[in-house]
Amino acid sequence: TEQIAQALWDVVQPQGVGVIIEAHHLCMMMRGVEKQNSITITSSMRGAFLEDPATRDEFLRLSMASHRPRG
């Protein structure tokens, strides 16, 4: 998540970058604890998304509004 945000920040040079990633832990699903719906959500912010709480809150609210983990 951090690497994607930094790459966008460096190449595009926007006022802000927000990245959210949902990942399934296949190692936990296939072996050991066999927890079938093991999901991690990570985020990374740069610029306006990091510095302005209103901008960050709007981004997170909109990106998670219709969030339904896949599985």
PDB file of N, CA and C in Angstrom:
ATOM      1  N   THR A   1       0.834  -1.191   0.000  1.00  0.00           N
ATOM      2  CA  THR A   1       0.000   0.000   0.000  1.00  0.00           C
ATOM      3  C   THR A   1       0.874   1.247   0.000  1.00  0.00           C
ATOM      4  N   GLU A   2       1.883   1.243   0.844  1.00  0.00           N
ATOM      5  CA  GLU A   2       2.812   2.375   0.914  1.00  0.00           C
ATOM      6  C   GLU A   2       3.555   2.573  -0.409  1.00  0.00           C
ATOM      7  N   GLN A   3       3.990   1.473  -1.017  1.00  0.00           N
ATOM      8  CA  GLN A   3       4.738   1.577  -2.271  1.00  0.00           C
ATOM      9  C   GLN A   3       3.864   2.105  -3.405  1.00  0.00           C
ATOM     10  N   ILE A   4       2.622   1.684  -3.460  1.00  0.00           N
ATOM     11  CA  ILE A   4       1.709   2.172  -4.500  1.00  0.00           C
ATOM     12  C   ILE A   4       1.455   3.659  -4.309  1.00  0.00           C
ATOM     13  N   ALA A   5       1.164   4.061  -3.077  1.00  0.00           N
ATOM     14  CA  ALA A   5       0.919   5.480  -2.785  1.00  0.00           C
ATOM     15  C   ALA A   5       2.140   6.330  -3.133  1.00  0.00           C
ATOM     16  N   GLN A   6       3.321   5.842  -2.775  1.00  0.00           N
ATOM     17  CA  GLN A   6       4.543   6.620  -3.048  1.00  0.00           C
ATOM     18  C   GLN A   6       4.812   6.715  -4.541  1.00  0.00           C
ATOM     19  N   ALA A   7       4.577   5.631  -5.278  1.00  0.00           N
ATOM     20  CA  ALA A   7       4.791   5.655  -6.730  1.00  0.00           C
ATOM     21  C   ALA A   7       3.857   6.662  -7.395  1.00  0.00           C
ATOM     22  N   LEU A   8       2.589   6.649  -7.010  1.00  0.00           N
ATOM     23  CA  LEU A   8       1.644   7.625  -7.562  1.00  0.00           C
ATOM     24  C   LEU A   8       2.062   9.049  -7.205  1.00  0.00           C
ATOM     25  N   TRP A   9       2.459   9.252  -5.962  1.00  0.00           N
ATOM     26  CA  TRP A   9       2.892  10.563  -5.485  1.00  0.00           C
ATOM     27  C   TRP A   9       4.087  11.068  -6.302  1.00  0.00           C
ATOM     28  N   ASP A  10       5.060  10.194  -6.544  1.00  0.00           N
ATOM     29  CA  ASP A  10       6.279  10.580  -7.265  1.00  0.00           C
ATOM     30  C   ASP A  10       6.034  10.823  -8.753  1.00  0.00           C
ATOM     31  N   VAL A  11       5.261   9.957  -9.397  1.00  0.00           N
ATOM     32  CA  VAL A  11       5.090  10.019 -10.848  1.00  0.00           C
ATOM     33  C   VAL A  11       4.045  11.056 -11.261  1.00  0.00           C
ATOM     34  N   VAL A  12       2.901  11.037 -10.621  1.00  0.00           N
ATOM     35  CA  VAL A  12       1.801  11.913 -11.025  1.00  0.00           C
ATOM     36  C   VAL A  12       1.921  13.307 -10.416  1.00  0.00           C
ATOM     37  N   GLN A  13       2.544  13.386  -9.248  1.00  0.00           N
ATOM     38  CA  GLN A  13       2.717  14.633  -8.501  1.00  0.00           C
ATOM     39  C   GLN A  13       1.385  15.360  -8.261  1.00  0.00           C
ATOM     40  N   PRO A  14       0.405  14.642  -7.680  1.00  0.00           N
ATOM     41  CA  PRO A  14      -0.904  15.236  -7.405  1.00  0.00           C
ATOM     42  C   PRO A  14      -0.881  16.028  -6.098  1.00  0.00           C
ATOM     43  N   GLN A  15      -2.006  16.646  -5.769  1.00  0.00           N
ATOM     44  CA  GLN A  15      -2.127  17.339  -4.487  1.00  0.00           C
ATOM     45  C   GLN A  15      -2.291  16.338  -3.347  1.00  0.00           C
ATOM     46  N   GLY A  16      -2.794  15.168  -3.669  1.00  0.00           N
ATOM     47  CA  GLY A  16      -2.964  14.141  -2.650  1.00  0.00           C
ATOM     48  C   GLY A  16      -3.145  12.770  -3.259  1.00  0.00           C
ATOM     49  N   VAL A  17      -2.804  11.751  -2.487  1.00  0.00           N
ATOM     50  CA  VAL A  17      -2.962  10.362  -2.903  1.00  0.00           C
ATOM     51  C   VAL A  17      -3.575   9.592  -1.741  1.00  0.00           C
ATOM     52  N   GLY A  18      -4.578   8.793  -2.058  1.00  0.00           N
ATOM     53  CA  GLY A  18      -5.161   7.885  -1.079  1.00  0.00           C
ATOM     54  C   GLY A  18      -5.277   6.506  -1.699  1.00  0.00           C
ATOM     55  N   VAL A  19      -4.763   5.502  -1.004  1.00  0.00           N
ATOM     56  CA  VAL A  19      -4.796   4.128  -1.504  1.00  0.00           C
ATOM     57  C   VAL A  19      -5.365   3.236  -0.401  1.00  0.00           C
ATOM     58  N   ILE A  20      -6.321   2.406  -0.770  1.00  0.00           N
ATOM     59  CA  ILE A  20      -6.870   1.410   0.152  1.00  0.00           C
ATOM     60  C   ILE A  20      -6.800   0.056  -0.542  1.00  0.00           C
ATOM     61  N   ILE A  21      -6.267  -0.931   0.176  1.00  0.00           N
ATOM     62  CA  ILE A  21      -6.138  -2.280  -0.373  1.00  0.00           C
ATOM     63  C   ILE A  21      -6.799  -3.277   0.562  1.00  0.00           C
ATOM     64  N   GLU A  22      -7.591  -4.162  -0.025  1.00  0.00           N
ATOM     65  CA  GLU A  22      -8.178  -5.273   0.713  1.00  0.00           C
ATOM     66  C   GLU A  22      -7.466  -6.536   0.256  1.00  0.00           C
ATOM     67  N   ALA A  23      -6.944  -7.295   1.200  1.00  0.00           N
ATOM     68  CA  ALA A  23      -6.187  -8.503   0.859  1.00  0.00           C
ATOM     69  C   ALA A  23      -6.694  -9.692   1.665  1.00  0.00           C
ATOM     70  N   HIS A  24      -6.701 -10.840   1.015  1.00  0.00           N
ATOM     71  CA  HIS A  24      -7.072 -12.084   1.680  1.00  0.00           C
ATOM     72  C   HIS A  24      -5.791 -12.799   2.102  1.00  0.00           C
ATOM     73  N   HIS A  25      -5.759 -13.277   3.318  1.00  0.00           N
ATOM     74  CA  HIS A  25      -4.596 -14.002   3.835  1.00  0.00           C
ATOM     75  C   HIS A  25      -4.702 -15.467   3.425  1.00  0.00           C
ATOM     76  N   LEU A  26      -4.155 -15.796   2.272  1.00  0.00           N
ATOM     77  CA  LEU A  26      -4.243 -17.174   1.783  1.00  0.00           C
ATOM     78  C   LEU A  26      -3.517 -18.150   2.700  1.00  0.00           C
ATOM     79  N   CYS A  27      -2.436 -17.689   3.352  1.00  0.00           N
ATOM     80  CA  CYS A  27      -1.715 -18.595   4.242  1.00  0.00           C
ATOM     81  C   CYS A  27      -2.600 -19.012   5.416  1.00  0.00           C
ATOM     82  N   MET A  28      -3.457 -18.113   5.890  1.00  0.00           N
ATOM     83  CA  MET A  28      -4.351 -18.450   6.996  1.00  0.00           C
ATOM     84  C   MET A  28      -5.558 -19.252   6.506  1.00  0.00           C
ATOM     85  N   MET A  29      -5.907 -19.082   5.241  1.00  0.00           N
ATOM     86  CA  MET A  29      -7.059 -19.793   4.696  1.00  0.00           C
ATOM     87  C   MET A  29      -6.721 -21.238   4.354  1.00  0.00           C
ATOM     88  N   MET A  30      -5.473 -21.498   3.966  1.00  0.00           N
ATOM     89  CA  MET A  30      -5.104 -22.810   3.450  1.00  0.00           C
ATOM     90  C   MET A  30      -4.443 -23.727   4.474  1.00  0.00           C
ATOM     91  N   ARG A  31      -3.768 -23.154   5.437  1.00  0.00           N
ATOM     92  CA  ARG A  31      -3.053 -24.013   6.387  1.00  0.00           C
ATOM     93  C   ARG A  31      -3.203 -23.466   7.795  1.00  0.00           C
ATOM     94  N   GLY A  32      -2.724 -24.184   8.732  1.00  0.00           N
ATOM     95  CA  GLY A  32      -2.767 -23.724  10.120  1.00  0.00           C
ATOM     96  C   GLY A  32      -4.178 -23.532  10.636  1.00  0.00           C
ATOM     97  N   VAL A  33      -4.545 -22.297  10.927  1.00  0.00           N
ATOM     98  CA  VAL A  33      -5.827 -22.017  11.561  1.00  0.00           C
ATOM     99  C   VAL A  33      -7.022 -22.180  10.628  1.00  0.00           C
ATOM    100  N   GLU A  34      -6.790 -22.183   9.325  1.00  0.00           N
ATOM    101  CA  GLU A  34      -7.825 -22.333   8.305  1.00  0.00           C
ATOM    102  C   GLU A  34      -9.010 -21.389   8.518  1.00  0.00           C
ATOM    103  N   LYS A  35      -8.708 -20.163   8.766  1.00  0.00           N
ATOM    104  CA  LYS A  35      -9.739 -19.138   8.927  1.00  0.00           C
ATOM    105  C   LYS A  35     -10.121 -18.646   7.536  1.00  0.00           C
ATOM    106  N   GLN A  36     -11.295 -18.999   7.053  1.00  0.00           N
ATOM    107  CA  GLN A  36     -11.684 -18.799   5.664  1.00  0.00           C
ATOM    108  C   GLN A  36     -11.921 -17.353   5.250  1.00  0.00           C
ATOM    109  N   ASN A  37     -12.321 -16.489   6.126  1.00  0.00           N
ATOM    110  CA  ASN A  37     -12.592 -15.104   5.741  1.00  0.00           C
ATOM    111  C   ASN A  37     -11.588 -14.140   6.360  1.00  0.00           C
ATOM    112  N   SER A  38     -10.332 -14.513   6.326  1.00  0.00           N
ATOM    113  CA  SER A  38      -9.285 -13.683   6.903  1.00  0.00           C
ATOM    114  C   SER A  38      -8.906 -12.572   5.923  1.00  0.00           C
ATOM    115  N   ILE A  39      -9.359 -11.353   6.218  1.00  0.00           N
ATOM    116  CA  ILE A  39      -9.156 -10.219   5.318  1.00  0.00           C
ATOM    117  C   ILE A  39      -8.444  -9.098   6.074  1.00  0.00           C
ATOM    118  N   THR A  40      -7.507  -8.454   5.391  1.00  0.00           N
ATOM    119  CA  THR A  40      -6.835  -7.284   5.944  1.00  0.00           C
ATOM    120  C   THR A  40      -7.080  -6.109   5.020  1.00  0.00           C
ATOM    121  N   ILE A  41      -7.378  -4.957   5.596  1.00  0.00           N
ATOM    122  CA  ILE A  41      -7.530  -3.729   4.824  1.00  0.00           C
ATOM    123  C   ILE A  41      -6.471  -2.752   5.301  1.00  0.00           C
ATOM    124  N   THR A  42      -5.657  -2.255   4.348  1.00  0.00           N
ATOM    125  CA  THR A  42      -4.625  -1.284   4.677  1.00  0.00           C
ATOM    126  C   THR A  42      -4.865  -0.011   3.884  1.00  0.00           C
ATOM    127  N   SER A  43      -4.344   1.107   4.407  1.00  0.00           N
ATOM    128  CA  SER A  43      -4.475   2.379   3.695  1.00  0.00           C
ATOM    129  C   SER A  43      -3.190   3.171   3.821  1.00  0.00           C
ATOM    130  N   SER A  44      -2.986   4.045   2.865  1.00  0.00           N
ATOM    131  CA  SER A  44      -1.839   4.939   2.875  1.00  0.00           C
ATOM    132  C   SER A  44      -2.263   6.268   2.274  1.00  0.00           C
ATOM    133  N   MET A  45      -1.849   7.356   2.892  1.00  0.00           N
ATOM    134  CA  MET A  45      -2.239   8.701   2.453  1.00  0.00           C
ATOM    135  C   MET A  45      -1.005   9.563   2.234  1.00  0.00           C
ATOM    136  N   ARG A  46      -1.140  10.474   1.289  1.00  0.00           N
ATOM    137  CA  ARG A  46      -0.105  11.480   1.021  1.00  0.00           C
ATOM    138  C   ARG A  46      -0.797  12.822   0.782  1.00  0.00           C
ATOM    139  N   GLY A  47      -0.081  13.908   0.990  1.00  0.00           N
ATOM    140  CA  GLY A  47      -0.561  15.248   0.652  1.00  0.00           C
ATOM    141  C   GLY A  47      -1.862  15.609   1.332  1.00  0.00           C
ATOM    142  N   ALA A  48      -2.823  16.102   0.543  1.00  0.00           N
ATOM    143  CA  ALA A  48      -4.100  16.595   1.068  1.00  0.00           C
ATOM    144  C   ALA A  48      -4.852  15.529   1.850  1.00  0.00           C
ATOM    145  N   PHE A  49      -4.730  14.275   1.443  1.00  0.00           N
ATOM    146  CA  PHE A  49      -5.432  13.208   2.155  1.00  0.00           C
ATOM    147  C   PHE A  49      -4.831  12.959   3.533  1.00  0.00           C
ATOM    148  N   LEU A  50      -3.578  13.301   3.708  1.00  0.00           N
ATOM    149  CA  LEU A  50      -2.916  13.130   4.994  1.00  0.00           C
ATOM    150  C   LEU A  50      -3.057  14.381   5.860  1.00  0.00           C
ATOM    151  N   GLU A  51      -2.952  15.547   5.231  1.00  0.00           N
ATOM    152  CA  GLU A  51      -2.895  16.807   5.973  1.00  0.00           C
ATOM    153  C   GLU A  51      -4.256  17.397   6.320  1.00  0.00           C
ATOM    154  N   ASP A  52      -5.271  17.146   5.500  1.00  0.00           N
ATOM    155  CA  ASP A  52      -6.590  17.749   5.706  1.00  0.00           C
ATOM    156  C   ASP A  52      -7.577  16.699   6.224  1.00  0.00           C
ATOM    157  N   PRO A  53      -7.959  16.784   7.512  1.00  0.00           N
ATOM    158  CA  PRO A  53      -8.859  15.773   8.076  1.00  0.00           C
ATOM    159  C   PRO A  53     -10.192  15.652   7.327  1.00  0.00           C
ATOM    160  N   ALA A  54     -10.738  16.739   6.837  1.00  0.00           N
ATOM    161  CA  ALA A  54     -12.015  16.677   6.115  1.00  0.00           C
ATOM    162  C   ALA A  54     -11.865  15.908   4.801  1.00  0.00           C
ATOM    163  N   THR A  55     -10.774  16.152   4.092  1.00  0.00           N
ATOM    164  CA  THR A  55     -10.514  15.452   2.826  1.00  0.00           C
ATOM    165  C   THR A  55     -10.304  13.965   3.086  1.00  0.00           C
ATOM    166  N   ARG A  56      -9.527  13.635   4.106  1.00  0.00           N
ATOM    167  CA  ARG A  56      -9.272  12.235   4.463  1.00  0.00           C
ATOM    168  C   ARG A  56     -10.574  11.538   4.859  1.00  0.00           C
ATOM    169  N   ASP A  57     -11.365  12.181   5.701  1.00  0.00           N
ATOM    170  CA  ASP A  57     -12.624  11.578   6.150  1.00  0.00           C
ATOM    171  C   ASP A  57     -13.576  11.324   4.986  1.00  0.00           C
ATOM    172  N   GLU A  58     -13.651  12.286   4.063  1.00  0.00           N
ATOM    173  CA  GLU A  58     -14.527  12.106   2.902  1.00  0.00           C
ATOM    174  C   GLU A  58     -14.045  10.939   2.043  1.00  0.00           C
ATOM    175  N   PHE A  59     -12.743  10.872   1.790  1.00  0.00           N
ATOM    176  CA  PHE A  59     -12.177   9.780   0.996  1.00  0.00           C
ATOM    177  C   PHE A  59     -12.486   8.424   1.636  1.00  0.00           C
ATOM    178  N   LEU A  60     -12.229   8.301   2.934  1.00  0.00           N
ATOM    179  CA  LEU A  60     -12.478   7.039   3.616  1.00  0.00           C
ATOM    180  C   LEU A  60     -13.964   6.701   3.651  1.00  0.00           C
ATOM    181  N   ARG A  61     -14.796   7.687   3.887  1.00  0.00           N
ATOM    182  CA  ARG A  61     -16.245   7.446   3.925  1.00  0.00           C
ATOM    183  C   ARG A  61     -16.750   6.978   2.564  1.00  0.00           C
ATOM    184  N   LEU A  62     -16.334   7.646   1.492  1.00  0.00           N
ATOM    185  CA  LEU A  62     -16.798   7.276   0.157  1.00  0.00           C
ATOM    186  C   LEU A  62     -16.241   5.928  -0.293  1.00  0.00           C
ATOM    187  N   SER A  63     -14.988   5.661   0.027  1.00  0.00           N
ATOM    188  CA  SER A  63     -14.388   4.416  -0.427  1.00  0.00           C
ATOM    189  C   SER A  63     -14.915   3.211   0.336  1.00  0.00           C
ATOM    190  N   MET A  64     -15.396   3.413   1.548  1.00  0.00           N
ATOM    191  CA  MET A  64     -15.905   2.306   2.346  1.00  0.00           C
ATOM    192  C   MET A  64     -17.434   2.250   2.358  1.00  0.00           C
ATOM    193  N   ALA A  65     -18.113   3.189   1.701  1.00  0.00           N
ATOM    194  CA  ALA A  65     -19.572   3.285   1.754  1.00  0.00           C
ATOM    195  C   ALA A  65     -20.263   2.012   1.266  1.00  0.00           C
ATOM    196  N   SER A  66     -19.798   1.458   0.178  1.00  0.00           N
ATOM    197  CA  SER A  66     -20.438   0.246  -0.352  1.00  0.00           C
ATOM    198  C   SER A  66     -19.536  -0.962  -0.184  1.00  0.00           C
ATOM    199  N   HIS A  67     -18.645  -0.890   0.789  1.00  0.00           N
ATOM    200  CA  HIS A  67     -17.660  -1.953   0.983  1.00  0.00           C
ATOM    201  C   HIS A  67     -18.331  -3.233   1.483  1.00  0.00           C
ATOM    202  N   ARG A  68     -18.159  -4.270   0.706  1.00  0.00           N
ATOM    203  CA  ARG A  68     -18.553  -5.608   1.098  1.00  0.00           C
ATOM    204  C   ARG A  68     -17.374  -6.522   0.830  1.00  0.00           C
ATOM    205  N   PRO A  69     -16.705  -7.015   1.871  1.00  0.00           N
ATOM    206  CA  PRO A  69     -15.546  -7.884   1.623  1.00  0.00           C
ATOM    207  C   PRO A  69     -15.926  -9.041   0.707  1.00  0.00           C
ATOM    208  N   ARG A  70     -15.032  -9.332  -0.220  1.00  0.00           N
ATOM    209  CA  ARG A  70     -15.259 -10.442  -1.134  1.00  0.00           C
ATOM    210  C   ARG A  70     -14.750 -11.711  -0.498  1.00  0.00           C
ATOM    211  N   GLY A  71     -15.383 -12.778  -0.784  1.00  0.00           N
ATOM    212  CA  GLY A  71     -14.877 -14.004  -0.198  1.00  0.00           C
ATOM    213  C   GLY A  71     -15.671 -15.189  -0.450  1.00  0.00           C
TER     214      GLY A  71
END
